[in-house]
């Protein structure tokens, strides 16, 4: 059952930077819980996190999707800096913000991660006991050892390039960027045709989105390991994935390592990206998430 939603632009501070988000408040009976969202690499709140935040708000939850620092309307320099640890701190700030709002004060809080956001959110869930339940959609569960195996000798070279880019930024204030996606791929952050078809076209690139990736991000994204956090995740967790989404083997490994109550739902998809914006994927995933959070979050 779905209902109408009020959308409110909000902001809060994390480490001195302004973070801008959209708080969605369902009409009708008092909400059961609040939910915070993290999305894919380089994304903004108008993309996948916003679609799922809207869908869960229509199902009775107060939701908060926001631009991470360094992206979209939020502050932070350099721009387009993909830093997993900073994104975890953004989630902590979002939880504090929700606890301060009249709409969610005193309510239990849950978390949703989509694609890379599932891997990043793993760190937040493992380390912050304010998150009482967790849900993921088409997660990319970063694993440093697997990343090294995939890249071979290119792994160390990419780390060194990221470190050099960070040092150059610290010295000059200028951060080297490459495209997040590009037709024909090449030197890009997401060398996937389906990623370009989304981020590189009007289909998935709202005005708030910048097709860029700070090279210094690689120093911190490549060694990140969602798998390492899984044994510390003890809250009820629902993993939604597809055999055609990114790295199903990594998803199974991450799920197997979870320490708490867990459920997996394997759905159909064309690939990874159709989970981001196609209602035929979002609606059943949102139904499953809503069922999960209703069961495990009670205000």
Protein backbone atom coordinates (compact mmCIF):
# COMPACT_ATOMS: atom_id res chain seq x y z
CA UNK A 1 0.00 0.00 0.00
CA UNK A 2 1.41 3.40 -0.95
CA UNK A 3 0.49 6.96 -0.09
CA UNK A 4 1.39 10.59 -0.65
CA UNK A 5 4.69 12.05 0.50
CA UNK A 6 5.90 15.51 1.53
CA UNK A 7 9.45 16.27 0.35
CA UNK A 8 11.51 18.78 2.33
CA UNK A 9 14.98 20.06 1.39
CA UNK A 10 17.16 19.89 4.50
CA UNK A 11 20.79 20.34 5.44
CA UNK A 12 23.14 19.38 8.24
CA UNK A 13 26.87 19.66 8.88
CA UNK A 14 29.54 16.98 8.86
CA UNK A 15 33.05 18.00 9.86
CA UNK A 16 32.28 21.61 8.97
CA UNK A 17 30.84 20.89 5.52
CA UNK A 18 27.19 21.40 4.61
CA UNK A 19 25.34 18.27 3.51
CA UNK A 20 22.13 18.80 1.54
CA UNK A 21 19.40 16.18 1.48
CA UNK A 22 15.76 15.49 0.79
CA UNK A 23 13.66 14.39 3.74
CA UNK A 24 10.53 12.55 2.66
CA UNK A 25 7.69 12.32 5.14
CA UNK A 26 4.70 10.07 4.44
CA UNK A 27 1.20 11.37 4.95
CA UNK A 28 -1.18 9.55 7.24
CA UNK A 29 -0.43 7.56 10.41
CA UNK A 30 2.73 8.16 12.40
CA UNK A 31 5.76 6.64 10.64
CA UNK A 32 7.23 3.43 11.97
CA UNK A 33 10.90 4.33 11.46
CA UNK A 34 13.44 6.51 9.70
CA UNK A 35 15.70 5.29 6.89
CA UNK A 36 18.97 6.70 5.55
CA UNK A 37 20.34 5.88 2.07
CA UNK A 38 23.69 5.57 0.29
CA UNK A 39 23.92 5.09 -3.46
CA UNK A 40 26.31 4.12 -6.24
CA UNK A 41 29.71 5.56 -7.12
CA UNK A 42 29.61 9.35 -7.78
CA UNK A 43 25.81 9.44 -7.44
CA UNK A 44 23.61 12.26 -6.18
CA UNK A 45 20.34 12.20 -4.26
CA UNK A 46 18.20 12.60 -7.38
CA UNK A 47 19.42 9.26 -8.74
CA UNK A 48 19.07 5.75 -7.27
CA UNK A 49 19.04 6.76 -3.57
CA UNK A 50 16.20 9.20 -4.26
CA UNK A 51 14.15 6.65 -6.17
CA UNK A 52 14.34 4.15 -3.30
CA UNK A 53 13.83 6.88 -0.70
CA UNK A 54 10.65 7.93 -2.51
CA UNK A 55 9.44 4.34 -2.81
CA UNK A 56 10.01 3.60 0.90
CA UNK A 57 8.40 6.88 1.95
CA UNK A 58 5.30 5.91 -0.02
CA UNK A 59 5.31 2.74 2.06
CA UNK A 60 5.20 4.63 5.35
CA UNK A 61 8.82 5.40 6.32
CA UNK A 62 10.49 8.77 6.80
CA UNK A 63 13.47 8.69 4.45
CA UNK A 64 16.60 10.76 3.97
CA UNK A 65 18.62 10.69 0.74
CA UNK A 66 21.43 13.24 0.50
CA UNK A 67 24.36 14.36 -1.58
CA UNK A 68 27.51 13.07 0.05
CA UNK A 69 30.20 15.61 0.73
CA UNK A 70 32.19 16.44 -2.41
CA UNK A 71 29.15 15.78 -4.62
CA UNK A 72 26.03 17.58 -5.83
CA UNK A 73 24.76 20.41 -3.65
CA UNK A 74 26.86 19.44 -0.64
CA UNK A 75 30.14 21.06 0.33
CA UNK A 76 33.60 19.56 0.47
CA UNK A 77 36.75 19.87 -1.59
CA UNK A 78 38.02 18.53 -3.84
CA UNK A 79 34.91 17.91 -5.86
CA UNK A 80 34.01 14.38 -7.00
CA UNK A 81 36.13 12.82 -4.26
CA UNK A 82 34.88 9.28 -3.65
CA UNK A 83 36.00 8.44 -0.11
CA UNK A 84 34.32 5.46 1.62
CA UNK A 85 35.34 6.56 5.11
CA UNK A 86 33.93 10.04 4.56
CA UNK A 87 30.69 8.54 3.30
CA UNK A 88 30.44 6.52 6.51
CA UNK A 89 30.88 9.75 8.47
CA UNK A 90 28.14 11.34 6.35
CA UNK A 91 25.81 8.52 7.40
CA UNK A 92 26.67 9.15 11.04
CA UNK A 93 25.80 12.81 10.53
CA UNK A 94 22.54 11.83 8.84
CA UNK A 95 21.59 9.60 11.78
CA UNK A 96 22.27 12.42 14.22
CA UNK A 97 20.18 14.74 12.06
CA UNK A 98 17.25 12.30 11.96
CA UNK A 99 17.38 11.93 15.74
CA UNK A 100 17.01 15.72 16.01
CA UNK A 101 13.96 16.03 13.75
CA UNK A 102 10.45 16.01 15.14
CA UNK A 103 9.38 13.56 12.41
CA UNK A 104 11.87 10.90 13.54
CA UNK A 105 12.98 11.74 17.08
CA UNK A 106 12.72 8.59 19.16
CA UNK A 107 12.04 6.32 16.19
CA UNK A 108 14.24 3.34 15.30
CA UNK A 109 16.54 3.90 12.34
CA UNK A 110 17.46 1.68 9.41
CA UNK A 111 19.85 1.93 6.48
CA UNK A 112 19.69 1.12 2.77
CA UNK A 113 22.68 0.80 0.44
CA UNK A 114 22.55 0.53 -3.35
CA UNK A 115 25.51 -0.70 -5.44
CA UNK A 116 28.73 0.77 -3.97
CA UNK A 117 26.58 2.33 -1.27
CA UNK A 118 25.88 -1.15 0.09
CA UNK A 119 29.60 -1.71 0.57
CA UNK A 120 30.12 1.68 2.16
CA UNK A 121 27.03 1.35 4.34
CA UNK A 122 28.45 -1.93 5.64
CA UNK A 123 31.06 0.12 7.46
CA UNK A 124 28.42 2.37 9.00
CA UNK A 125 26.19 -0.53 10.08
CA UNK A 126 29.12 -2.40 11.61
CA UNK A 127 30.29 0.63 13.58
CA UNK A 128 27.14 2.54 14.58
CA UNK A 129 24.62 0.83 16.84
CA UNK A 130 21.95 3.42 16.04
CA UNK A 131 21.27 1.44 12.85
CA UNK A 132 18.83 -1.28 13.87
CA UNK A 133 18.22 -2.95 10.49
CA UNK A 134 19.94 -2.97 7.10
CA UNK A 135 18.84 -3.52 3.51
CA UNK A 136 20.87 -3.65 0.30
CA UNK A 137 19.97 -3.57 -3.40
CA UNK A 138 22.33 -4.76 -6.15
CA UNK A 139 25.23 -4.19 -3.81
CA UNK A 140 28.83 -4.07 -4.90
CA UNK A 141 30.60 -5.53 -1.90
CA UNK A 142 34.13 -4.21 -2.26
CA UNK A 143 36.82 -6.76 -1.54
CA UNK A 144 40.41 -5.55 -1.74
CA UNK A 145 41.88 -8.98 -2.46
CA UNK A 146 39.43 -9.61 -5.29
CA UNK A 147 40.07 -6.12 -6.67
CA UNK A 148 43.78 -6.83 -6.71
CA UNK A 149 43.19 -10.14 -8.50
CA UNK A 150 40.97 -8.49 -11.12
CA UNK A 151 43.44 -5.69 -11.83
CA UNK A 152 46.68 -7.65 -11.63
CA UNK A 153 49.69 -5.37 -11.91
CA UNK A 154 47.41 -2.44 -12.55
CA UNK A 155 46.28 -2.43 -8.92
CA UNK A 156 49.50 -1.06 -7.46
CA UNK A 157 49.85 1.38 -10.34
CA UNK A 158 46.35 2.72 -9.68
CA UNK A 159 47.09 3.09 -5.97
CA UNK A 160 50.28 5.00 -6.72
CA UNK A 161 48.45 7.24 -9.18
CA UNK A 162 45.80 7.96 -6.56
CA UNK A 163 48.44 8.80 -3.95
CA UNK A 164 50.28 11.08 -6.38
CA UNK A 165 47.01 12.85 -7.23
CA UNK A 166 46.29 13.42 -3.53
CA UNK A 167 49.76 14.82 -2.93
CA UNK A 168 49.37 17.12 -5.93
CA UNK A 169 46.03 18.35 -4.59
CA UNK A 170 47.56 19.04 -1.19
CA UNK A 171 50.35 21.05 -2.81
CA UNK A 172 48.39 22.92 -5.49
CA UNK A 173 44.72 22.80 -4.54
CA UNK A 174 43.97 21.29 -7.96
CA UNK A 175 42.55 17.77 -8.12
CA UNK A 176 43.01 15.64 -11.23
CA UNK A 177 39.72 14.28 -12.53
CA UNK A 178 38.75 11.67 -15.08
CA UNK A 179 35.22 10.98 -16.34
CA UNK A 180 33.04 8.78 -14.19
CA UNK A 181 31.75 7.24 -17.45
CA UNK A 182 32.51 7.72 -21.13
CA UNK A 183 31.39 6.29 -24.43
CA UNK A 184 34.00 3.76 -25.47
CA UNK A 185 35.24 3.71 -21.86
CA UNK A 186 39.03 4.27 -21.66
CA UNK A 187 40.46 6.06 -18.62
CA UNK A 188 37.20 6.27 -16.66
CA UNK A 189 36.01 5.34 -13.18
CA UNK A 190 33.20 3.03 -14.34
CA UNK A 191 34.27 1.33 -17.58
CA UNK A 192 30.90 -0.26 -18.30
CA UNK A 193 28.66 0.39 -21.29
CA UNK A 194 25.52 0.20 -19.17
CA UNK A 195 27.01 2.76 -16.75
CA UNK A 196 27.53 5.21 -19.63
CA UNK A 197 23.99 4.58 -20.87
CA UNK A 198 22.76 5.78 -17.46
CA UNK A 199 25.19 8.41 -16.13
CA UNK A 200 26.27 9.66 -19.53
CA UNK A 201 22.80 10.34 -20.93
CA UNK A 202 19.67 12.25 -19.88
CA UNK A 203 18.25 8.93 -18.65
CA UNK A 204 20.26 9.09 -15.44
CA UNK A 205 22.10 12.42 -15.34
CA UNK A 206 20.02 15.13 -13.61
CA UNK A 207 21.32 18.72 -13.49
CA UNK A 208 22.80 18.06 -10.05
CA UNK A 209 25.10 15.31 -11.39
CA UNK A 210 28.71 15.84 -12.56
CA UNK A 211 30.35 13.20 -14.73
CA UNK A 212 33.66 13.26 -12.92
CA UNK A 213 35.82 11.24 -10.56
CA UNK A 214 38.77 12.60 -8.58
CA UNK A 215 41.75 10.33 -9.32
CA UNK A 216 42.90 10.61 -5.70
CA UNK A 217 39.78 8.59 -4.81
CA UNK A 218 41.54 5.42 -5.92
CA UNK A 219 43.92 5.59 -3.00
CA UNK A 220 40.98 4.98 -0.65
CA UNK A 221 38.41 3.12 -2.76
CA UNK A 222 40.63 0.30 -4.01
CA UNK A 223 41.69 -0.95 -0.53
CA UNK A 224 38.16 -0.64 0.92
CA UNK A 225 36.68 -3.99 1.94
CA UNK A 226 32.98 -4.41 2.66
CA UNK A 227 33.68 -8.10 3.24
CA UNK A 228 35.85 -7.19 6.24
CA UNK A 229 32.89 -5.48 7.93
CA UNK A 230 30.40 -8.30 7.38
CA UNK A 231 31.32 -10.34 10.50
CA UNK A 232 30.60 -7.26 12.63
CA UNK A 233 27.12 -6.73 11.17
CA UNK A 234 24.70 -8.25 13.67
CA UNK A 235 21.49 -6.38 12.88
CA UNK A 236 18.78 -8.01 10.70
CA UNK A 237 19.88 -7.65 7.08
CA UNK A 238 18.08 -8.17 3.78
CA UNK A 239 20.24 -8.54 0.68
CA UNK A 240 18.53 -8.08 -2.71
CA UNK A 241 20.63 -9.09 -5.70
CA UNK A 242 20.50 -10.59 -9.19
CA UNK A 243 22.67 -13.02 -11.09
CA UNK A 244 23.01 -10.30 -13.74
CA UNK A 245 23.95 -7.55 -11.26
CA UNK A 246 27.56 -6.78 -10.39
CA UNK A 247 29.68 -9.52 -8.81
CA UNK A 248 27.09 -11.99 -7.49
CA UNK A 249 29.93 -14.13 -6.11
CA UNK A 250 31.07 -11.23 -3.91
CA UNK A 251 27.46 -10.74 -2.79
CA UNK A 252 27.26 -14.37 -1.68
CA UNK A 253 30.57 -14.14 0.18
CA UNK A 254 29.49 -10.97 1.98
CA UNK A 255 26.11 -12.46 2.86
CA UNK A 256 27.69 -15.65 4.15
CA UNK A 257 29.94 -13.66 6.48
CA UNK A 258 27.13 -11.63 8.10
CA UNK A 259 26.89 -12.36 11.82
CA UNK A 260 23.24 -11.50 12.48
CA UNK A 261 19.80 -12.54 11.23
CA UNK A 262 19.78 -12.39 7.44
CA UNK A 263 17.66 -12.98 4.38
CA UNK A 264 18.53 -12.95 0.69
CA UNK A 265 16.19 -12.26 -2.23
CA UNK A 266 17.45 -13.05 -5.71
CA UNK A 267 15.50 -11.12 -8.32
CA UNK A 268 15.69 -10.89 -12.10
CA UNK A 269 17.32 -7.98 -13.90
CA UNK A 270 18.88 -7.13 -17.25
CA UNK A 271 22.06 -6.05 -15.50
CA UNK A 272 23.08 -3.73 -12.69
CA UNK A 273 21.77 -0.34 -13.74
CA UNK A 274 18.10 -1.23 -14.26
CA UNK A 275 17.88 -1.58 -10.47
CA UNK A 276 18.60 2.17 -10.30
CA UNK A 277 15.65 3.65 -12.16
CA UNK A 278 13.26 1.12 -13.64
CA UNK A 279 9.98 0.79 -11.68
CA UNK A 280 9.72 -2.88 -12.62
CA UNK A 281 12.86 -3.45 -10.50
CA UNK A 282 12.39 -0.75 -7.86
CA UNK A 283 8.82 -1.57 -6.84
CA UNK A 284 9.30 -5.25 -5.88
CA UNK A 285 12.62 -4.39 -4.23
CA UNK A 286 10.91 -1.63 -2.23
CA UNK A 287 8.12 -4.04 -1.24
CA UNK A 288 10.71 -6.47 0.09
CA UNK A 289 12.60 -3.73 1.94
CA UNK A 290 9.41 -2.38 3.47
CA UNK A 291 8.43 -5.86 4.68
CA UNK A 292 11.90 -6.29 6.17
CA UNK A 293 11.89 -2.96 7.99
CA UNK A 294 8.33 -3.37 9.25
CA UNK A 295 9.35 -6.68 10.78
CA UNK A 296 12.54 -5.44 12.41
CA UNK A 297 11.91 -1.76 13.19
CA UNK A 298 9.09 -0.78 15.50
CA UNK A 299 8.60 2.69 16.95
